[in-house]
Amino acid sequence: MNLKDNILYLTKAVVFGLVMAAVFLVVTRFTDNNSFNNGLSVTHQNNELSFASAVRRAAPAVVNIYSLSLDQNSPLNSSSLQGLGSGVIMSKEGYILTNYHVIKKADEIVIALQDGRKFTSEVVGSDQITDIAVLKIEGDNLPIVPINLNNPAQVGDVVLAIGNPYNLGQTITQGIISATGRNGLSSGYLDFLQTDAAINAGNSGGALIDTGGELIGINTAAFQIGAEGGGHGINFAIPIKLAHSIMGKLIKNGRVIRGALGISGEPLSQVMAQILNLPDLKGVLVTGIDPNGPAAKATLKPRDVIIQYAEESVPGVEMLMDRIAETPPGNKVNITIIREGKPIELPVIIGEKLPENS
């Protein structure tokens, strides 16, 4: 290769290199700009993090509940009303979910919507055990809360509580689901959601929603120590699946009809399992029998261990009590027990659990 050819070869190589370098710089700059812009967008969104769309979906359906004394003849206005709490419009027919403790002492109940409308309401039914009540109003174009019964809340989910704390007007507080399955707080039938979203006096009966604006619970209580109020960041809501189920029963029957077996029981301890010669700790140890209840008629006895209910294994007390409560009174079910080390199957006709004030 002569000198001329060498120069030509080098020139081509240099030109090619410069072209590739220019292309690389252009591509890199374009990519960096996109990355920079995307970074700005993400940062902007994070700085402007907002739940406004969720609130817009749900808040119009969260109502304020007031009591109007029967001896007052003045029109429905703010001066004649006493704030009780909150509620949630569940259907276009005007059914409203709230807490039983919100309305239990009210003479006449007035519902105030966020658009300024006011309605007198009737009590469709209430259930003291689950602290649920259903009200009904008659109105057109009522706002309805979005709901998804197949999307249970999980620990760590961001939630918003909507209500009327201290009768200040509709207020939104934000937090997370800090625990689920909190039962035994007032009844074994409950399965509370625990949240650190503030639930103050007047929030009871209001909505607990997710970041999509869908209802996941009915706000019901704040954790208290002695005579202290709330403010500990431990608040509770009734899961919407349970509240919705109770609502359906109240609309249908005006009350919740629960089955009863007439026993008291406790988890099976390791010591009792050894004393009764049981292979494991599954089952419920019967500790008491109502002498006039279905269990007594079926010859169940204290120290029997219930291991199956209607052919379903019984892992613990809560599950057994729930199944009994869900069984319609008058139904016959088979219960398998362990007595003196031997399995025995007993048929029993479930009775009805009477209201606590009966």
Protein backbone atom coordinates (compact mmCIF):
# COMPACT_ATOMS: atom_id res chain seq x y z
CA MET A 1 0.00 0.00 0.00
CA ASN A 2 1.49 3.37 -1.08
CA LEU A 3 1.49 6.64 0.83
CA LYS A 4 -1.58 7.96 -0.98
CA ASP A 5 -3.57 4.89 -0.11
CA ASN A 6 -2.45 5.13 3.54
CA ILE A 7 -3.58 8.74 3.77
CA LEU A 8 -6.92 7.87 2.17
CA TYR A 9 -7.41 4.95 4.58
CA LEU A 10 -6.60 7.10 7.60
CA THR A 11 -8.87 9.88 6.37
CA LYS A 12 -11.80 7.46 6.01
CA ALA A 13 -11.13 6.06 9.48
CA VAL A 14 -11.03 9.53 11.05
CA VAL A 15 -14.22 10.65 9.26
CA PHE A 16 -16.00 7.45 10.29
CA GLY A 17 -14.89 7.93 13.88
CA LEU A 18 -16.06 11.54 13.92
CA VAL A 19 -19.45 10.55 12.48
CA MET A 20 -19.89 7.78 15.07
CA ALA A 21 -18.84 10.15 17.84
CA ALA A 22 -21.41 12.72 16.67
CA VAL A 23 -24.12 10.07 16.52
CA PHE A 24 -23.19 8.86 20.01
CA LEU A 25 -23.34 12.40 21.40
CA VAL A 26 -26.74 13.06 19.84
CA VAL A 27 -28.20 9.77 21.11
CA THR A 28 -26.72 10.28 24.56
CA ARG A 29 -28.04 13.84 24.77
CA PHE A 30 -31.50 12.70 23.64
CA THR A 31 -31.54 9.89 26.18
CA ASP A 32 -30.30 12.16 28.97
CA ASN A 33 -32.95 14.73 28.12
CA ASN A 34 -35.66 12.09 28.24
CA SER A 35 -34.30 10.77 31.53
CA PHE A 36 -34.10 14.29 32.90
CA ASN A 37 -37.63 15.06 31.79
CA ASN A 38 -38.91 11.78 33.20
CA GLY A 39 -37.09 12.51 36.43
CA LEU A 40 -38.70 15.92 36.59
CA SER A 41 -42.10 14.37 35.94
CA VAL A 42 -41.71 11.76 38.67
CA THR A 43 -40.37 14.31 41.12
CA HIS A 44 -43.17 16.66 40.24
CA GLN A 45 -45.74 13.94 40.75
CA ASN A 46 -44.23 12.92 44.04
CA ASN A 47 -44.17 16.50 45.26
CA GLU A 48 -47.78 16.87 44.16
CA LEU A 49 -48.93 13.51 45.56
CA SER A 50 -52.67 13.88 45.97
CA PHE A 51 -55.69 11.79 46.87
CA ALA A 52 -58.09 14.41 45.54
CA SER A 53 -59.56 12.12 42.87
CA ALA A 54 -60.31 9.42 45.45
CA VAL A 55 -61.95 11.98 47.72
CA ARG A 56 -64.03 13.35 44.83
CA ARG A 57 -65.35 9.84 44.13
CA ALA A 58 -66.31 8.97 47.70
CA ALA A 59 -66.84 12.14 49.75
CA PRO A 60 -70.21 13.24 48.28
CA ALA A 61 -71.74 9.97 49.55
CA VAL A 62 -70.53 10.53 53.13
CA VAL A 63 -73.29 12.29 55.04
CA ASN A 64 -73.57 14.08 58.37
CA ILE A 65 -76.09 12.66 60.83
CA TYR A 66 -77.96 14.93 63.23
CA SER A 67 -80.63 14.50 65.88
CA LEU A 68 -83.72 16.70 65.90
CA SER A 69 -85.59 16.73 69.24
CA LEU A 70 -89.25 15.86 68.96
CA ASP A 71 -90.35 18.98 70.87
CA GLN A 72 -88.74 21.31 68.35
CA ASN A 73 -90.94 22.61 65.54
CA SER A 74 -88.37 24.79 63.82
CA PRO A 75 -87.33 24.07 60.21
CA LEU A 76 -84.34 21.87 59.48
CA ASN A 77 -81.45 24.24 60.00
CA SER A 78 -78.07 24.05 61.67
CA SER A 79 -79.23 25.79 64.84
CA SER A 80 -81.88 23.13 65.61
CA LEU A 81 -79.69 20.09 64.97
CA GLN A 82 -77.30 18.22 67.22
CA GLY A 83 -74.40 16.47 65.50
CA LEU A 84 -74.21 12.73 66.10
CA GLY A 85 -71.78 11.32 63.56
CA SER A 86 -71.48 10.25 59.95
CA GLY A 87 -72.93 7.76 57.49
CA VAL A 88 -72.41 6.46 53.96
CA ILE A 89 -75.00 6.31 51.18
CA MET A 90 -74.82 2.77 49.80
CA SER A 91 -77.50 2.69 47.10
CA LYS A 92 -79.70 4.82 44.88
CA GLU A 93 -82.67 3.69 46.99
CA GLY A 94 -81.25 5.81 49.82
CA TYR A 95 -79.92 3.15 52.20
CA ILE A 96 -77.27 4.55 54.53
CA LEU A 97 -74.75 2.61 56.62
CA THR A 98 -73.69 4.01 59.97
CA ASN A 99 -72.88 2.84 63.51
CA TYR A 100 -75.56 1.71 65.93
CA HIS A 101 -74.03 3.82 68.70
CA VAL A 102 -74.39 6.93 66.51
CA ILE A 103 -78.18 6.78 66.31
CA LYS A 104 -79.30 4.71 69.30
CA LYS A 105 -80.38 7.72 71.43
CA ALA A 106 -81.70 9.93 68.64
CA ASP A 107 -85.30 11.15 68.69
CA GLU A 108 -85.56 12.05 65.02
CA ILE A 109 -82.65 11.58 62.63
CA VAL A 110 -81.74 14.16 60.02
CA ILE A 111 -79.31 13.43 57.18
CA ALA A 112 -77.31 16.30 55.67
CA LEU A 113 -75.65 15.79 52.29
CA GLN A 114 -72.56 17.65 51.16
CA ASP A 115 -74.58 19.41 48.43
CA GLY A 116 -76.69 21.13 51.11
CA ARG A 117 -79.77 18.92 50.98
CA LYS A 118 -81.30 17.67 54.24
CA PHE A 119 -83.62 14.70 54.76
CA THR A 120 -85.39 13.12 57.68
CA SER A 121 -84.64 9.40 57.78
CA GLU A 122 -86.13 6.20 59.10
CA VAL A 123 -84.22 3.46 60.91
CA VAL A 124 -84.46 0.29 58.81
CA GLY A 125 -82.71 -1.85 61.41
CA SER A 126 -79.75 -2.01 63.74
CA ASP A 127 -77.40 -4.61 65.19
CA GLN A 128 -75.76 -3.86 68.51
CA ILE A 129 -73.30 -6.76 68.29
CA THR A 130 -71.59 -5.46 65.15
CA ASP A 131 -72.44 -1.79 65.89
CA ILE A 132 -74.13 -1.42 62.50
CA ALA A 133 -77.32 0.47 61.69
CA VAL A 134 -79.11 1.07 58.39
CA LEU A 135 -81.07 4.26 57.70
CA LYS A 136 -83.14 5.21 54.67
CA ILE A 137 -83.90 8.51 53.00
CA GLU A 138 -86.05 9.38 49.99
CA GLY A 139 -84.29 11.53 47.42
CA ASP A 140 -83.37 11.84 43.76
CA ASN A 141 -79.88 11.66 42.26
CA LEU A 142 -78.28 10.58 45.51
CA PRO A 143 -74.48 10.17 45.44
CA ILE A 144 -73.42 6.54 45.98
CA VAL A 145 -70.08 5.45 47.37
CA PRO A 146 -67.94 3.20 45.11
CA ILE A 147 -67.53 -0.28 46.56
CA ASN A 148 -65.63 -3.47 45.70
CA LEU A 149 -66.35 -6.40 48.01
CA ASN A 150 -63.66 -8.53 46.37
CA ASN A 151 -60.76 -6.22 47.24
CA PRO A 152 -60.00 -6.77 50.95
CA ALA A 153 -57.74 -4.30 52.72
CA GLN A 154 -54.18 -5.40 53.45
CA VAL A 155 -51.66 -4.28 56.02
CA GLY A 156 -49.71 -1.35 54.58
CA ASP A 157 -52.50 -0.06 52.32
CA VAL A 158 -52.90 3.72 52.35
CA VAL A 159 -56.40 4.70 53.50
CA LEU A 160 -58.48 7.84 54.01
CA ALA A 161 -61.08 8.36 56.73
CA ILE A 162 -63.99 10.66 55.86
CA GLY A 163 -66.39 12.01 58.46
CA ASN A 164 -67.65 14.94 60.49
CA PRO A 165 -65.37 15.12 63.56
CA TYR A 166 -66.66 17.29 66.40
CA ASN A 167 -69.32 18.58 63.99
CA LEU A 168 -66.72 20.74 62.27
CA GLY A 169 -67.83 19.66 58.81
CA GLN A 170 -66.58 16.99 56.47
CA THR A 171 -62.91 16.21 57.11
CA ILE A 172 -60.41 13.84 55.52
CA THR A 173 -57.60 12.12 57.44
CA GLN A 174 -54.96 9.84 55.99
CA GLY A 175 -53.05 6.82 57.27
CA ILE A 176 -52.39 3.16 56.57
CA ILE A 177 -53.93 -0.17 57.52
CA SER A 178 -51.74 -1.18 60.46
CA ALA A 179 -53.43 -4.52 61.24
CA THR A 180 -56.39 -6.67 60.22
CA GLY A 181 -58.45 -9.29 62.01
CA ARG A 182 -58.63 -7.37 65.28
CA ASN A 183 -61.50 -9.19 66.98
CA GLY A 184 -62.64 -9.53 70.55
CA LEU A 185 -62.72 -5.75 71.05
CA SER A 186 -66.44 -5.83 71.71
CA SER A 187 -67.63 -9.12 70.27
CA GLY A 188 -66.29 -12.29 68.74
CA TYR A 189 -68.33 -11.53 65.63
CA LEU A 190 -66.16 -8.58 64.67
CA ASP A 191 -63.06 -8.56 62.53
CA PHE A 192 -61.79 -4.98 62.74
CA LEU A 193 -59.43 -3.14 60.45
CA GLN A 194 -56.88 -1.19 62.48
CA THR A 195 -55.63 2.10 61.08
CA ASP A 196 -53.68 5.13 62.19
CA ALA A 197 -55.94 7.45 60.16
CA ALA A 198 -57.53 9.70 62.78
CA ILE A 199 -61.06 8.72 63.81
CA ASN A 200 -62.42 11.29 66.26
CA ALA A 201 -65.84 11.87 67.80
CA GLY A 202 -68.21 12.45 64.89
CA ASN A 203 -66.18 10.31 62.48
CA SER A 204 -68.07 7.22 63.64
CA GLY A 205 -70.18 5.75 60.86
CA GLY A 206 -68.15 7.50 58.17
CA ALA A 207 -66.18 6.00 55.32
CA LEU A 208 -62.75 4.41 55.27
CA ILE A 209 -61.68 4.39 51.62
CA ASP A 210 -58.67 3.27 49.62
CA THR A 211 -56.63 5.46 47.28
CA GLY A 212 -59.00 4.61 44.44
CA GLY A 213 -61.94 6.04 46.36
CA GLU A 214 -63.58 2.66 47.05
CA LEU A 215 -65.19 1.98 50.42
CA ILE A 216 -63.27 -0.60 52.48
CA GLY A 217 -64.68 -0.01 55.96
CA ILE A 218 -67.05 1.87 58.27
CA ASN A 219 -65.19 3.94 60.86
CA THR A 220 -66.29 2.92 64.32
CA ALA A 221 -63.93 3.57 67.24
CA ALA A 222 -60.67 4.97 68.55
CA PHE A 223 -58.55 3.05 71.03
CA GLN A 224 -58.92 4.40 74.54
CA ILE A 225 -57.09 3.81 77.80
CA GLY A 226 -59.26 4.33 80.85
CA ALA A 227 -60.94 7.73 80.72
CA GLU A 228 -58.58 8.99 78.02
CA GLY A 229 -59.89 9.80 74.59
CA GLY A 230 -58.32 8.60 71.36
CA GLY A 231 -55.20 10.12 69.86
CA HIS A 232 -53.01 7.04 70.17
CA GLY A 233 -52.95 6.39 66.41
CA ILE A 234 -54.94 3.19 66.96
CA ASN A 235 -58.38 3.36 65.39
CA PHE A 236 -60.80 0.76 64.12
CA ALA A 237 -63.18 0.26 61.22
CA ILE A 238 -65.63 -2.51 60.38
CA PRO A 239 -64.59 -4.23 57.11
CA ILE A 240 -67.02 -3.44 54.33
CA LYS A 241 -67.67 -7.10 53.51
CA LEU A 242 -69.03 -7.67 57.03
CA ALA A 243 -70.87 -4.35 57.13
CA HIS A 244 -72.44 -5.00 53.72
CA SER A 245 -73.58 -8.47 54.81
CA ILE A 246 -75.16 -7.09 57.98
CA MET A 247 -76.82 -4.32 55.94
CA GLY A 248 -78.48 -6.89 53.67
CA LYS A 249 -79.86 -8.80 56.67
CA LEU A 250 -81.16 -5.63 58.30
CA ILE A 251 -82.89 -4.55 55.10
CA LYS A 252 -84.45 -8.00 54.71
CA ASN A 253 -85.49 -8.71 58.31
CA GLY A 254 -85.01 -5.49 60.27
CA ARG A 255 -82.56 -7.36 62.50
CA VAL A 256 -79.78 -9.92 62.26
CA ILE A 257 -80.95 -13.46 62.95
CA ARG A 258 -78.12 -15.54 64.44
CA GLY A 259 -77.91 -19.16 65.33
CA ALA A 260 -77.08 -20.25 68.89
CA LEU A 261 -75.77 -23.50 70.35
CA GLY A 262 -75.89 -22.59 74.02
CA ILE A 263 -72.30 -23.24 74.98
CA SER A 264 -69.26 -21.36 76.18
CA GLY A 265 -65.85 -22.56 75.12
CA GLU A 266 -62.17 -21.80 75.06
CA PRO A 267 -59.12 -22.77 73.02
CA LEU A 268 -57.66 -26.16 73.79
CA SER A 269 -54.49 -25.73 75.84
CA GLN A 270 -51.59 -28.17 75.78
CA VAL A 271 -52.25 -29.17 79.40
CA MET A 272 -55.93 -29.96 78.71
CA ALA A 273 -54.98 -31.85 75.57
CA GLN A 274 -52.72 -34.08 77.63
CA ILE A 275 -55.32 -34.54 80.37
CA LEU A 276 -57.98 -35.49 77.82
CA ASN A 277 -55.53 -37.63 75.84
CA LEU A 278 -55.94 -35.68 72.60
CA PRO A 279 -53.47 -35.95 69.72
CA ASP A 280 -53.30 -32.18 68.94
CA LEU A 281 -54.59 -28.76 69.98
CA LYS A 282 -57.32 -28.45 67.37
CA GLY A 283 -60.85 -27.99 68.58
CA VAL A 284 -62.84 -26.06 71.19
CA LEU A 285 -63.08 -27.14 74.81
CA VAL A 286 -66.64 -26.81 76.10
CA THR A 287 -66.53 -25.00 79.44
CA GLY A 288 -70.23 -24.31 80.03
CA ILE A 289 -73.66 -25.46 78.87
CA ASP A 290 -76.91 -23.49 78.88
CA PRO A 291 -79.29 -25.98 80.54
CA ASN A 292 -82.15 -24.83 78.31
CA GLY A 293 -80.14 -24.51 75.09
CA PRO A 294 -79.70 -26.71 72.02
CA ALA A 295 -76.37 -28.14 73.25
CA ALA A 296 -77.97 -29.47 76.44
CA LYS A 297 -80.77 -31.09 74.42
CA ALA A 298 -78.10 -32.71 72.23
CA THR A 299 -76.37 -34.07 75.40
CA LEU A 300 -73.15 -32.06 75.06
CA LYS A 301 -71.25 -31.81 78.33
CA PRO A 302 -68.50 -29.65 79.83
CA ARG A 303 -65.00 -30.92 78.91
CA ASP A 304 -66.27 -32.22 75.56
CA VAL A 305 -63.99 -31.07 72.75
CA ILE A 306 -65.74 -30.00 69.55
CA ILE A 307 -63.54 -30.93 66.58
CA GLN A 308 -66.05 -30.71 63.71
CA TYR A 309 -69.10 -28.58 63.00
CA ALA A 310 -71.29 -29.55 60.02
CA GLU A 311 -68.43 -31.74 58.74
CA GLU A 312 -65.98 -28.82 58.84
CA SER A 313 -62.89 -29.01 61.04
CA VAL A 314 -62.88 -26.57 63.95
CA PRO A 315 -59.47 -24.89 64.45
CA GLY A 316 -60.56 -22.44 67.16
CA VAL A 317 -63.28 -20.61 69.07
CA GLU A 318 -63.79 -17.68 66.66
CA MET A 319 -64.39 -19.95 63.68
CA LEU A 320 -66.87 -22.13 65.61
CA MET A 321 -68.86 -19.17 66.96
CA ASP A 322 -69.00 -17.60 63.49
CA ARG A 323 -70.30 -20.82 61.94
CA ILE A 324 -72.92 -21.22 64.64
CA ALA A 325 -74.06 -17.62 64.21
CA GLU A 326 -74.33 -18.07 60.44
CA THR A 327 -76.50 -21.19 60.76
CA PRO A 328 -80.22 -20.39 60.43
CA PRO A 329 -82.14 -21.27 63.59
CA GLY A 330 -84.02 -24.55 63.24
CA ASN A 331 -81.37 -26.15 61.02
CA LYS A 332 -80.02 -29.54 62.05
CA VAL A 333 -76.25 -29.98 61.99
CA ASN A 334 -73.90 -32.74 63.05
CA ILE A 335 -71.21 -31.97 65.61
CA THR A 336 -68.26 -34.27 66.22
CA ILE A 337 -66.81 -34.22 69.71
CA ILE A 338 -64.09 -36.01 71.62
CA ARG A 339 -65.33 -37.38 74.95
CA GLU A 340 -63.11 -39.51 77.16
CA GLY A 341 -60.74 -39.99 74.25
CA LYS A 342 -63.40 -41.26 71.82
CA PRO A 343 -65.00 -39.43 68.88
CA ILE A 344 -68.79 -39.08 69.05
CA GLU A 345 -71.11 -37.54 66.45
CA LEU A 346 -74.12 -35.68 67.84
CA PRO A 347 -76.99 -34.15 65.85
CA VAL A 348 -78.14 -30.78 67.16
CA ILE A 349 -80.91 -28.39 66.14
CA ILE A 350 -79.56 -24.83 66.22
CA GLY A 351 -81.53 -22.29 68.23
CA GLU A 352 -81.73 -18.52 67.86
CA LYS A 353 -79.47 -16.06 69.65
CA LEU A 354 -81.70 -13.52 71.30
CA PRO A 355 -80.79 -9.81 71.35
CA GLU A 356 -78.81 -8.78 74.40
CA ASN A 357 -81.57 -6.50 75.67
CA SER A 358 -84.19 -9.24 75.49
